[in-house]
Amino acid sequence: MPFTFAERLTVCDLCEGTEFFVRDERAKIVQCRRCGYRFVNPRPTQEEIARSYSAPQQYDLWLSQDAGRRVTWRKRWDLVKRYANGNRLLDIGAGIGSFLAAAKADGWDVTGTEISTSAIEIAHRLYSIDLIRGQIEDIPLESRFDVVTMWHVLEHVPSPSRNLRIARELMSDDGLLVVAVPNDSDARWRFQRLKNGTYAPYEELREGAEIHLSQFTVPVLRKVLESNGFTIQRMTVDDHYAEPTPRSDRLVSLYRGLMALTGVNLAVATLALAKAS
């Protein structure tokens, strides 16, 4: 069943601006004139999105790449540990639980949320981790967490600002927030066009595919974190490769070095680590 695109936004989620211009008509991407935030408008309903992600075959590709993905999640966890204190972790939008499994193996007390019934079943079967079903704003959590992570989740949620405020409320006083998102940098797209001769940054939303409601440049990601009560500790490249190789490891190191020197991210994804202000 195709998406209805029944929800239309009139106010920017990041800055409450009301003037948008069309950036990509085919993919329904608009951009806020005030802050530069790019998002799908109109968009599918959350019920439609949850249905799409709950399809039995939704995670077949992930499972076929499981060995490589476990390596990537371990590398991500090793990076997070360098900045983290405590032993309680909340992963919002935990997928099939692979990141939580890496933290759990190191003795951390882990909690995860997820909207996909298929992912929840897989997390239980593979890792004996019982994820909590639902959006984070609808789940009553009384615990305070030392680390809150959102691995490629912020681009999927209906309100990035609301999710960040909830994450801040759930963090301990010295807690760490970790956010990874696809990189929508104009510099990256110019680089891709120069390298490959193509320029197609956005895809039309459809069932069974990744459903990105928001797009984040590095400045916009920084802005949304700081405006919702966070101080950034590090902004770098996310190691996103599902099947890592020595070549992909070299590319991540190269892109991270370039970003550290220039502030420009030419890679596919951005990683931010932040503390509550």
C-alpha atoms as a PDB file:
ATOM      1  CA  MET A   1       0.000   0.000   0.000  1.00  0.00           C
ATOM      2  CA  PRO A   2       1.559   3.367  -0.997  1.00  0.00           C
ATOM      3  CA  PHE A   3       2.025   6.167   1.521  1.00  0.00           C
ATOM      4  CA  THR A   4      -0.696   8.812   1.667  1.00  0.00           C
ATOM      5  CA  PHE A   5       1.522  11.809   2.540  1.00  0.00           C
ATOM      6  CA  ALA A   6      -1.390  13.097   4.601  1.00  0.00           C
ATOM      7  CA  GLU A   7       0.561  15.125   7.191  1.00  0.00           C
ATOM      8  CA  ARG A   8       1.535  18.675   6.219  1.00  0.00           C
ATOM      9  CA  LEU A   9       3.742  20.816   8.471  1.00  0.00           C
ATOM     10  CA  THR A  10       3.263  24.567   8.718  1.00  0.00           C
ATOM     11  CA  VAL A  11       5.901  25.309  11.386  1.00  0.00           C
ATOM     12  CA  CYS A  12       9.594  24.369  11.383  1.00  0.00           C
ATOM     13  CA  ASP A  13      10.381  21.844  14.118  1.00  0.00           C
ATOM     14  CA  LEU A  14      13.786  23.398  14.791  1.00  0.00           C
ATOM     15  CA  CYS A  15      13.167  27.169  14.836  1.00  0.00           C
ATOM     16  CA  GLU A  16       9.370  27.602  14.487  1.00  0.00           C
ATOM     17  CA  GLY A  17       9.820  29.396  11.186  1.00  0.00           C
ATOM     18  CA  THR A  18       6.864  29.348   8.820  1.00  0.00           C
ATOM     19  CA  GLU A  19       8.449  30.049   5.439  1.00  0.00           C
ATOM     20  CA  PHE A  20       9.748  27.121   3.403  1.00  0.00           C
ATOM     21  CA  PHE A  21      10.945  26.681  -0.151  1.00  0.00           C
ATOM     22  CA  VAL A  22      10.952  23.509  -2.226  1.00  0.00           C
ATOM     23  CA  ARG A  23      14.400  21.931  -2.466  1.00  0.00           C
ATOM     24  CA  ASP A  24      13.401  18.708  -4.252  1.00  0.00           C
ATOM     25  CA  GLU A  25       9.865  18.505  -5.614  1.00  0.00           C
ATOM     26  CA  ARG A  26      10.041  14.811  -6.528  1.00  0.00           C
ATOM     27  CA  ALA A  27      11.151  13.765  -3.027  1.00  0.00           C
ATOM     28  CA  LYS A  28       8.925  16.390  -1.356  1.00  0.00           C
ATOM     29  CA  ILE A  29      11.906  17.990   0.448  1.00  0.00           C
ATOM     30  CA  VAL A  30      11.460  21.578   1.637  1.00  0.00           C
ATOM     31  CA  GLN A  31      13.905  23.859   3.451  1.00  0.00           C
ATOM     32  CA  CYS A  32      13.210  26.359   6.207  1.00  0.00           C
ATOM     33  CA  ARG A  33      14.247  29.865   5.117  1.00  0.00           C
ATOM     34  CA  ARG A  34      15.161  30.843   8.674  1.00  0.00           C
ATOM     35  CA  CYS A  35      17.390  27.977   9.891  1.00  0.00           C
ATOM     36  CA  GLY A  36      18.123  25.807   6.840  1.00  0.00           C
ATOM     37  CA  TYR A  37      16.477  22.644   8.193  1.00  0.00           C
ATOM     38  CA  ARG A  38      15.400  20.299   5.368  1.00  0.00           C
ATOM     39  CA  PHE A  39      12.484  17.904   5.765  1.00  0.00           C
ATOM     40  CA  VAL A  40       9.765  15.958   3.955  1.00  0.00           C
ATOM     41  CA  ASN A  41       6.542  17.954   3.626  1.00  0.00           C
ATOM     42  CA  PRO A  42       3.914  16.596   3.283  1.00  0.00           C
ATOM     43  CA  ARG A  43       4.860  13.279   4.849  1.00  0.00           C
ATOM     44  CA  PRO A  44       3.395   9.836   5.681  1.00  0.00           C
ATOM     45  CA  THR A  45       1.680   9.225   9.006  1.00  0.00           C
ATOM     46  CA  GLN A  46       3.500   7.479  11.853  1.00  0.00           C
ATOM     47  CA  GLU A  47       1.078   4.553  11.573  1.00  0.00           C
ATOM     48  CA  GLU A  48       2.079   4.031   7.942  1.00  0.00           C
ATOM     49  CA  ILE A  49       5.773   4.235   8.796  1.00  0.00           C
ATOM     50  CA  ALA A  50       5.482   1.750  11.687  1.00  0.00           C
ATOM     51  CA  ARG A  51       3.616  -0.647   9.398  1.00  0.00           C
ATOM     52  CA  SER A  52       6.375  -0.419   6.790  1.00  0.00           C
ATOM     53  CA  TYR A  53       9.149  -1.107   9.302  1.00  0.00           C
ATOM     54  CA  SER A  54       7.236  -4.040  10.795  1.00  0.00           C
ATOM     55  CA  ALA A  55       7.149  -6.030   7.549  1.00  0.00           C
ATOM     56  CA  PRO A  56       8.558  -9.551   8.170  1.00  0.00           C
ATOM     57  CA  GLN A  57      11.249  -9.116   5.492  1.00  0.00           C
ATOM     58  CA  GLN A  58      12.295  -5.598   6.547  1.00  0.00           C
ATOM     59  CA  TYR A  59      15.541  -6.705   8.203  1.00  0.00           C
ATOM     60  CA  ASP A  60      16.558  -9.538   5.857  1.00  0.00           C
ATOM     61  CA  LEU A  61      19.463  -7.488   4.458  1.00  0.00           C
ATOM     62  CA  TRP A  62      20.676  -6.611   7.955  1.00  0.00           C
ATOM     63  CA  LEU A  63      20.679 -10.273   8.927  1.00  0.00           C
ATOM     64  CA  SER A  64      22.594 -11.232   5.788  1.00  0.00           C
ATOM     65  CA  GLN A  65      25.248  -8.674   6.809  1.00  0.00           C
ATOM     66  CA  ASP A  66      25.218  -9.639  10.474  1.00  0.00           C
ATOM     67  CA  ALA A  67      28.904 -10.515  10.854  1.00  0.00           C
ATOM     68  CA  GLY A  68      30.065  -7.200   9.403  1.00  0.00           C
ATOM     69  CA  ARG A  69      27.463  -5.190  11.256  1.00  0.00           C
ATOM     70  CA  ARG A  70      28.604  -6.652  14.589  1.00  0.00           C
ATOM     71  CA  VAL A  71      32.129  -5.395  13.827  1.00  0.00           C
ATOM     72  CA  THR A  72      30.787  -1.913  13.045  1.00  0.00           C
ATOM     73  CA  TRP A  73      28.654  -1.786  16.185  1.00  0.00           C
ATOM     74  CA  ARG A  74      31.638  -2.854  18.263  1.00  0.00           C
ATOM     75  CA  LYS A  75      33.724  -0.027  16.808  1.00  0.00           C
ATOM     76  CA  ARG A  76      30.955   2.445  17.550  1.00  0.00           C
ATOM     77  CA  TRP A  77      30.660   1.204  21.122  1.00  0.00           C
ATOM     78  CA  ASP A  78      34.433   1.413  21.632  1.00  0.00           C
ATOM     79  CA  LEU A  79      34.314   5.068  20.544  1.00  0.00           C
ATOM     80  CA  VAL A  80      31.344   5.885  22.809  1.00  0.00           C
ATOM     81  CA  LYS A  81      33.046   4.276  25.821  1.00  0.00           C
ATOM     82  CA  ARG A  82      35.869   6.798  25.584  1.00  0.00           C
ATOM     83  CA  TYR A  83      33.434   9.596  26.449  1.00  0.00           C
ATOM     84  CA  ALA A  84      30.992   7.752  28.729  1.00  0.00           C
ATOM     85  CA  ASN A  85      30.707   7.366  32.495  1.00  0.00           C
ATOM     86  CA  GLY A  86      28.432   5.054  34.484  1.00  0.00           C
ATOM     87  CA  ASN A  87      26.800   1.830  33.333  1.00  0.00           C
ATOM     88  CA  ARG A  88      23.203   2.554  32.239  1.00  0.00           C
ATOM     89  CA  LEU A  89      22.492   2.931  28.530  1.00  0.00           C
ATOM     90  CA  LEU A  90      19.325   3.767  26.596  1.00  0.00           C
ATOM     91  CA  ASP A  91      19.271   3.209  22.825  1.00  0.00           C
ATOM     92  CA  ILE A  92      16.318   4.976  21.193  1.00  0.00           C
ATOM     93  CA  GLY A  93      15.266   3.224  18.001  1.00  0.00           C
ATOM     94  CA  ALA A  94      17.458   0.221  18.729  1.00  0.00           C
ATOM     95  CA  GLY A  95      16.740  -1.713  15.537  1.00  0.00           C
ATOM     96  CA  ILE A  96      17.561  -5.380  16.082  1.00  0.00           C
ATOM     97  CA  GLY A  97      19.560  -4.639  19.239  1.00  0.00           C
ATOM     98  CA  SER A  98      23.127  -5.029  17.930  1.00  0.00           C
ATOM     99  CA  PHE A  99      24.532  -1.930  19.638  1.00  0.00           C
ATOM    100  CA  LEU A 100      22.901  -2.838  22.929  1.00  0.00           C
ATOM    101  CA  ALA A 101      24.409  -6.315  22.643  1.00  0.00           C
ATOM    102  CA  ALA A 102      27.907  -4.811  22.348  1.00  0.00           C
ATOM    103  CA  ALA A 103      27.352  -2.692  25.473  1.00  0.00           C
ATOM    104  CA  LYS A 104      25.728  -5.565  27.344  1.00  0.00           C
ATOM    105  CA  ALA A 105      28.776  -7.744  26.649  1.00  0.00           C
ATOM    106  CA  ASP A 106      30.852  -5.167  28.556  1.00  0.00           C
ATOM    107  CA  GLY A 107      28.558  -5.382  31.583  1.00  0.00           C
ATOM    108  CA  TRP A 108      26.372  -2.361  30.923  1.00  0.00           C
ATOM    109  CA  ASP A 109      22.711  -2.271  31.964  1.00  0.00           C
ATOM    110  CA  VAL A 110      20.925  -1.716  28.645  1.00  0.00           C
ATOM    111  CA  THR A 111      17.442  -0.557  27.625  1.00  0.00           C
ATOM    112  CA  GLY A 112      16.142  -0.046  24.099  1.00  0.00           C
ATOM    113  CA  THR A 113      13.042   1.228  22.317  1.00  0.00           C
ATOM    114  CA  GLU A 114      11.812   0.328  18.845  1.00  0.00           C
ATOM    115  CA  ILE A 115       8.644   0.746  16.737  1.00  0.00           C
ATOM    116  CA  SER A 116       9.172  -2.322  14.534  1.00  0.00           C
ATOM    117  CA  THR A 117       7.637  -5.561  15.775  1.00  0.00           C
ATOM    118  CA  SER A 118       9.954  -7.472  13.434  1.00  0.00           C
ATOM    119  CA  ALA A 119      13.057  -5.844  14.935  1.00  0.00           C
ATOM    120  CA  ILE A 120      11.830  -6.493  18.473  1.00  0.00           C
ATOM    121  CA  GLU A 121      11.408 -10.196  17.706  1.00  0.00           C
ATOM    122  CA  ILE A 122      14.886 -10.424  16.158  1.00  0.00           C
ATOM    123  CA  ALA A 123      16.536  -8.627  19.109  1.00  0.00           C
ATOM    124  CA  HIS A 124      14.982 -11.142  21.492  1.00  0.00           C
ATOM    125  CA  ARG A 125      15.951 -14.110  19.327  1.00  0.00           C
ATOM    126  CA  LEU A 126      19.546 -13.055  18.604  1.00  0.00           C
ATOM    127  CA  TYR A 127      20.566 -11.291  21.803  1.00  0.00           C
ATOM    128  CA  SER A 128      17.937 -12.092  24.472  1.00  0.00           C
ATOM    129  CA  ILE A 129      17.263  -8.346  24.658  1.00  0.00           C
ATOM    130  CA  ASP A 130      13.645  -7.315  25.177  1.00  0.00           C
ATOM    131  CA  LEU A 131      13.093  -3.949  23.510  1.00  0.00           C
ATOM    132  CA  ILE A 132      10.229  -1.670  24.529  1.00  0.00           C
ATOM    133  CA  ARG A 133       7.803  -1.103  21.675  1.00  0.00           C
ATOM    134  CA  GLY A 134       6.815   2.460  20.769  1.00  0.00           C
ATOM    135  CA  GLN A 135       8.003   6.017  20.226  1.00  0.00           C
ATOM    136  CA  ILE A 136      10.117   7.401  23.050  1.00  0.00           C
ATOM    137  CA  GLU A 137       7.597  10.190  23.744  1.00  0.00           C
ATOM    138  CA  ASP A 138       4.913   7.567  24.466  1.00  0.00           C
ATOM    139  CA  ILE A 139       6.993   5.336  26.774  1.00  0.00           C
ATOM    140  CA  PRO A 140       7.119   6.134  30.515  1.00  0.00           C
ATOM    141  CA  LEU A 141      10.722   5.640  31.633  1.00  0.00           C
ATOM    142  CA  GLU A 142      11.604   6.551  35.203  1.00  0.00           C
ATOM    143  CA  SER A 143      15.296   5.630  35.075  1.00  0.00           C
ATOM    144  CA  ARG A 144      18.089   8.119  34.442  1.00  0.00           C
ATOM    145  CA  PHE A 145      20.639   6.967  31.901  1.00  0.00           C
ATOM    146  CA  ASP A 146      24.368   7.630  31.708  1.00  0.00           C
ATOM    147  CA  VAL A 147      24.355   7.287  27.914  1.00  0.00           C
ATOM    148  CA  VAL A 148      21.474   7.910  25.508  1.00  0.00           C
ATOM    149  CA  THR A 149      22.057   6.957  21.878  1.00  0.00           C
ATOM    150  CA  MET A 150      20.160   7.576  18.652  1.00  0.00           C
ATOM    151  CA  TRP A 151      21.914   5.746  15.832  1.00  0.00           C
ATOM    152  CA  HIS A 152      20.389   6.973  12.578  1.00  0.00           C
ATOM    153  CA  VAL A 153      17.092   7.624  14.304  1.00  0.00           C
ATOM    154  CA  LEU A 154      16.749  11.422  14.373  1.00  0.00           C
ATOM    155  CA  GLU A 155      16.128  11.531  10.619  1.00  0.00           C
ATOM    156  CA  HIS A 156      13.169   9.139  11.045  1.00  0.00           C
ATOM    157  CA  VAL A 157      11.225  10.712  13.912  1.00  0.00           C
ATOM    158  CA  PRO A 158       8.348  13.198  13.462  1.00  0.00           C
ATOM    159  CA  SER A 159       9.921  15.813  15.782  1.00  0.00           C
ATOM    160  CA  PRO A 160      13.720  15.801  16.222  1.00  0.00           C
ATOM    161  CA  SER A 161      13.501  18.653  18.754  1.00  0.00           C
ATOM    162  CA  ARG A 162      10.996  16.829  20.956  1.00  0.00           C
ATOM    163  CA  ASN A 163      13.083  13.643  20.885  1.00  0.00           C
ATOM    164  CA  LEU A 164      16.192  15.554  21.936  1.00  0.00           C
ATOM    165  CA  ARG A 165      14.376  17.250  24.812  1.00  0.00           C
ATOM    166  CA  ILE A 166      13.110  13.873  26.020  1.00  0.00           C
ATOM    167  CA  ALA A 167      16.613  12.414  25.733  1.00  0.00           C
ATOM    168  CA  ARG A 168      17.946  15.259  27.882  1.00  0.00           C
ATOM    169  CA  GLU A 169      15.290  14.633  30.538  1.00  0.00           C
ATOM    170  CA  LEU A 170      16.251  10.958  30.662  1.00  0.00           C
ATOM    171  CA  MET A 171      19.988  11.608  31.066  1.00  0.00           C
ATOM    172  CA  SER A 172      21.932  11.681  34.298  1.00  0.00           C
ATOM    173  CA  ASP A 173      23.627  14.956  35.257  1.00  0.00           C
ATOM    174  CA  ASP A 174      26.887  13.902  33.607  1.00  0.00           C
ATOM    175  CA  GLY A 175      25.171  11.918  30.863  1.00  0.00           C
ATOM    176  CA  LEU A 176      26.318  11.543  27.286  1.00  0.00           C
ATOM    177  CA  LEU A 177      24.125  11.880  24.185  1.00  0.00           C
ATOM    178  CA  VAL A 178      25.211  10.168  20.971  1.00  0.00           C
ATOM    179  CA  VAL A 179      23.495  11.030  17.681  1.00  0.00           C
ATOM    180  CA  ALA A 180      24.348   9.744  14.208  1.00  0.00           C
ATOM    181  CA  VAL A 181      22.542  10.957  11.082  1.00  0.00           C
ATOM    182  CA  PRO A 182      23.075  10.881   7.311  1.00  0.00           C
ATOM    183  CA  ASN A 183      25.170  13.826   6.119  1.00  0.00           C
ATOM    184  CA  ASP A 184      23.249  16.202   3.846  1.00  0.00           C
ATOM    185  CA  SER A 185      26.180  18.580   3.349  1.00  0.00           C
ATOM    186  CA  ASP A 186      26.181  20.521   0.069  1.00  0.00           C
ATOM    187  CA  ALA A 187      29.956  20.013   0.015  1.00  0.00           C
ATOM    188  CA  ARG A 188      29.411  16.264   0.149  1.00  0.00           C
ATOM    189  CA  TRP A 189      27.002  16.335  -2.791  1.00  0.00           C
ATOM    190  CA  ARG A 190      29.413  18.480  -4.842  1.00  0.00           C
ATOM    191  CA  PHE A 191      32.171  15.980  -4.014  1.00  0.00           C
ATOM    192  CA  GLN A 192      29.969  13.044  -5.047  1.00  0.00           C
ATOM    193  CA  ARG A 193      29.128  14.733  -8.342  1.00  0.00           C
ATOM    194  CA  LEU A 194      32.825  15.417  -9.003  1.00  0.00           C
ATOM    195  CA  LYS A 195      33.810  11.853  -8.085  1.00  0.00           C
ATOM    196  CA  ASN A 196      30.965   9.894  -9.688  1.00  0.00           C
ATOM    197  CA  GLY A 197      29.366  12.307 -12.128  1.00  0.00           C
ATOM    198  CA  THR A 198      25.990  11.901 -10.377  1.00  0.00           C
ATOM    199  CA  TYR A 199      23.895  14.126  -8.145  1.00  0.00           C
ATOM    200  CA  ALA A 200      20.816  12.488  -6.612  1.00  0.00           C
ATOM    201  CA  PRO A 201      20.787  13.187  -2.876  1.00  0.00           C
ATOM    202  CA  TYR A 202      17.145  12.385  -2.174  1.00  0.00           C
ATOM    203  CA  GLU A 203      14.873   9.450  -2.913  1.00  0.00           C
ATOM    204  CA  GLU A 204      11.092   9.384  -2.906  1.00  0.00           C
ATOM    205  CA  LEU A 205       9.700   7.733   0.229  1.00  0.00           C
ATOM    206  CA  ARG A 206       8.226   4.300  -0.308  1.00  0.00           C
ATOM    207  CA  GLU A 207       7.269   1.318   1.815  1.00  0.00           C
ATOM    208  CA  GLY A 208      10.047  -1.160   2.468  1.00  0.00           C
ATOM    209  CA  ALA A 209      12.816   1.448   2.116  1.00  0.00           C
ATOM    210  CA  GLU A 210      14.518   3.759   4.608  1.00  0.00           C
ATOM    211  CA  ILE A 211      12.096   6.534   5.556  1.00  0.00           C
ATOM    212  CA  HIS A 212      14.013   9.735   6.246  1.00  0.00           C
ATOM    213  CA  LEU A 213      11.704  12.562   7.293  1.00  0.00           C
ATOM    214  CA  SER A 214      14.588  14.960   8.049  1.00  0.00           C
ATOM    215  CA  GLN A 215      17.922  15.822   6.450  1.00  0.00           C
ATOM    216  CA  PHE A 216      20.831  17.259   8.468  1.00  0.00           C
ATOM    217  CA  THR A 217      23.814  19.301   7.441  1.00  0.00           C
ATOM    218  CA  VAL A 218      26.537  19.622  10.075  1.00  0.00           C
ATOM    219  CA  PRO A 219      25.547  23.233  10.972  1.00  0.00           C
ATOM    220  CA  VAL A 220      21.860  22.285  11.312  1.00  0.00           C
ATOM    221  CA  LEU A 221      22.689  19.254  13.475  1.00  0.00           C
ATOM    222  CA  ARG A 222      24.850  21.444  15.681  1.00  0.00           C
ATOM    223  CA  LYS A 223      22.080  24.025  15.909  1.00  0.00           C
ATOM    224  CA  VAL A 224      19.346  21.557  16.880  1.00  0.00           C
ATOM    225  CA  LEU A 225      21.539  19.982  19.577  1.00  0.00           C
ATOM    226  CA  GLU A 226      22.584  23.304  21.107  1.00  0.00           C
ATOM    227  CA  SER A 227      19.073  24.785  20.985  1.00  0.00           C
ATOM    228  CA  ASN A 228      17.730  21.784  22.899  1.00  0.00           C
ATOM    229  CA  GLY A 229      20.150  21.963  25.795  1.00  0.00           C
ATOM    230  CA  PHE A 230      23.336  20.191  24.711  1.00  0.00           C
ATOM    231  CA  THR A 231      26.997  21.133  24.513  1.00  0.00           C
ATOM    232  CA  ILE A 232      28.838  19.268  21.778  1.00  0.00           C
ATOM    233  CA  GLN A 233      31.916  17.350  22.871  1.00  0.00           C
ATOM    234  CA  ARG A 234      32.851  16.034  19.461  1.00  0.00           C
ATOM    235  CA  MET A 235      31.434  16.268  15.928  1.00  0.00           C
ATOM    236  CA  THR A 236      32.938  13.741  13.541  1.00  0.00           C
ATOM    237  CA  VAL A 237      32.244  11.142  10.841  1.00  0.00           C
ATOM    238  CA  ASP A 238      30.109   8.115  11.690  1.00  0.00           C
ATOM    239  CA  ASP A 239      31.598   4.756  10.725  1.00  0.00           C
ATOM    240  CA  HIS A 240      28.453   3.453   9.056  1.00  0.00           C
ATOM    241  CA  TYR A 241      29.779   0.608   6.882  1.00  0.00           C
ATOM    242  CA  ALA A 242      27.658  -2.543   7.254  1.00  0.00           C
ATOM    243  CA  GLU A 243      30.415  -4.710   5.788  1.00  0.00           C
ATOM    244  CA  PRO A 244      33.659  -3.017   6.861  1.00  0.00           C
ATOM    245  CA  THR A 245      36.916  -3.613   5.018  1.00  0.00           C
ATOM    246  CA  PRO A 246      40.454  -2.228   5.378  1.00  0.00           C
ATOM    247  CA  ARG A 247      39.558   0.234   2.617  1.00  0.00           C
ATOM    248  CA  SER A 248      36.439   1.472   4.426  1.00  0.00           C
ATOM    249  CA  ASP A 249      38.465   1.833   7.638  1.00  0.00           C
ATOM    250  CA  ARG A 250      40.988   3.994   5.766  1.00  0.00           C
ATOM    251  CA  LEU A 251      38.196   6.118   4.292  1.00  0.00           C
ATOM    252  CA  VAL A 252      36.656   6.742   7.710  1.00  0.00           C
ATOM    253  CA  SER A 253      40.049   7.754   9.115  1.00  0.00           C
ATOM    254  CA  LEU A 254      40.674  10.049   6.136  1.00  0.00           C
ATOM    255  CA  TYR A 255      37.264  11.732   6.375  1.00  0.00           C
ATOM    256  CA  ARG A 256      37.575  12.124  10.146  1.00  0.00           C
ATOM    257  CA  GLY A 257      40.964  13.748   9.756  1.00  0.00           C
ATOM    258  CA  LEU A 258      39.666  16.107   7.076  1.00  0.00           C
ATOM    259  CA  MET A 259      36.674  17.073   9.221  1.00  0.00           C
ATOM    260  CA  ALA A 260      38.876  17.671  12.270  1.00  0.00           C
ATOM    261  CA  LEU A 261      41.095  20.021  10.228  1.00  0.00           C
ATOM    262  CA  THR A 262      38.463  21.865   8.173  1.00  0.00           C
ATOM    263  CA  GLY A 263      35.053  21.229   9.756  1.00  0.00           C
ATOM    264  CA  VAL A 264      33.849  19.893   6.378  1.00  0.00           C
ATOM    265  CA  ASN A 265      32.244  16.445   6.260  1.00  0.00           C
ATOM    266  CA  LEU A 266      32.455  14.710   2.863  1.00  0.00           C
ATOM    267  CA  ALA A 267      31.374  11.314   4.246  1.00  0.00           C
ATOM    268  CA  VAL A 268      27.974   9.660   4.203  1.00  0.00           C
ATOM    269  CA  ALA A 269      27.135  10.190   7.885  1.00  0.00           C
ATOM    270  CA  THR A 270      27.806  12.512  10.825  1.00  0.00           C
ATOM    271  CA  LEU A 271      28.319  11.552  14.476  1.00  0.00           C
ATOM    272  CA  ALA A 272      27.810  13.955  17.384  1.00  0.00           C
ATOM    273  CA  LEU A 273      28.658  13.338  21.047  1.00  0.00           C
ATOM    274  CA  ALA A 274      27.220  15.879  23.471  1.00  0.00           C
ATOM    275  CA  LYS A 275      26.632  16.599  27.136  1.00  0.00           C
ATOM    276  CA  ALA A 276      23.697  18.358  28.758  1.00  0.00           C
ATOM    277  CA  SER A 277      24.364  22.114  29.050  1.00  0.00           C
END
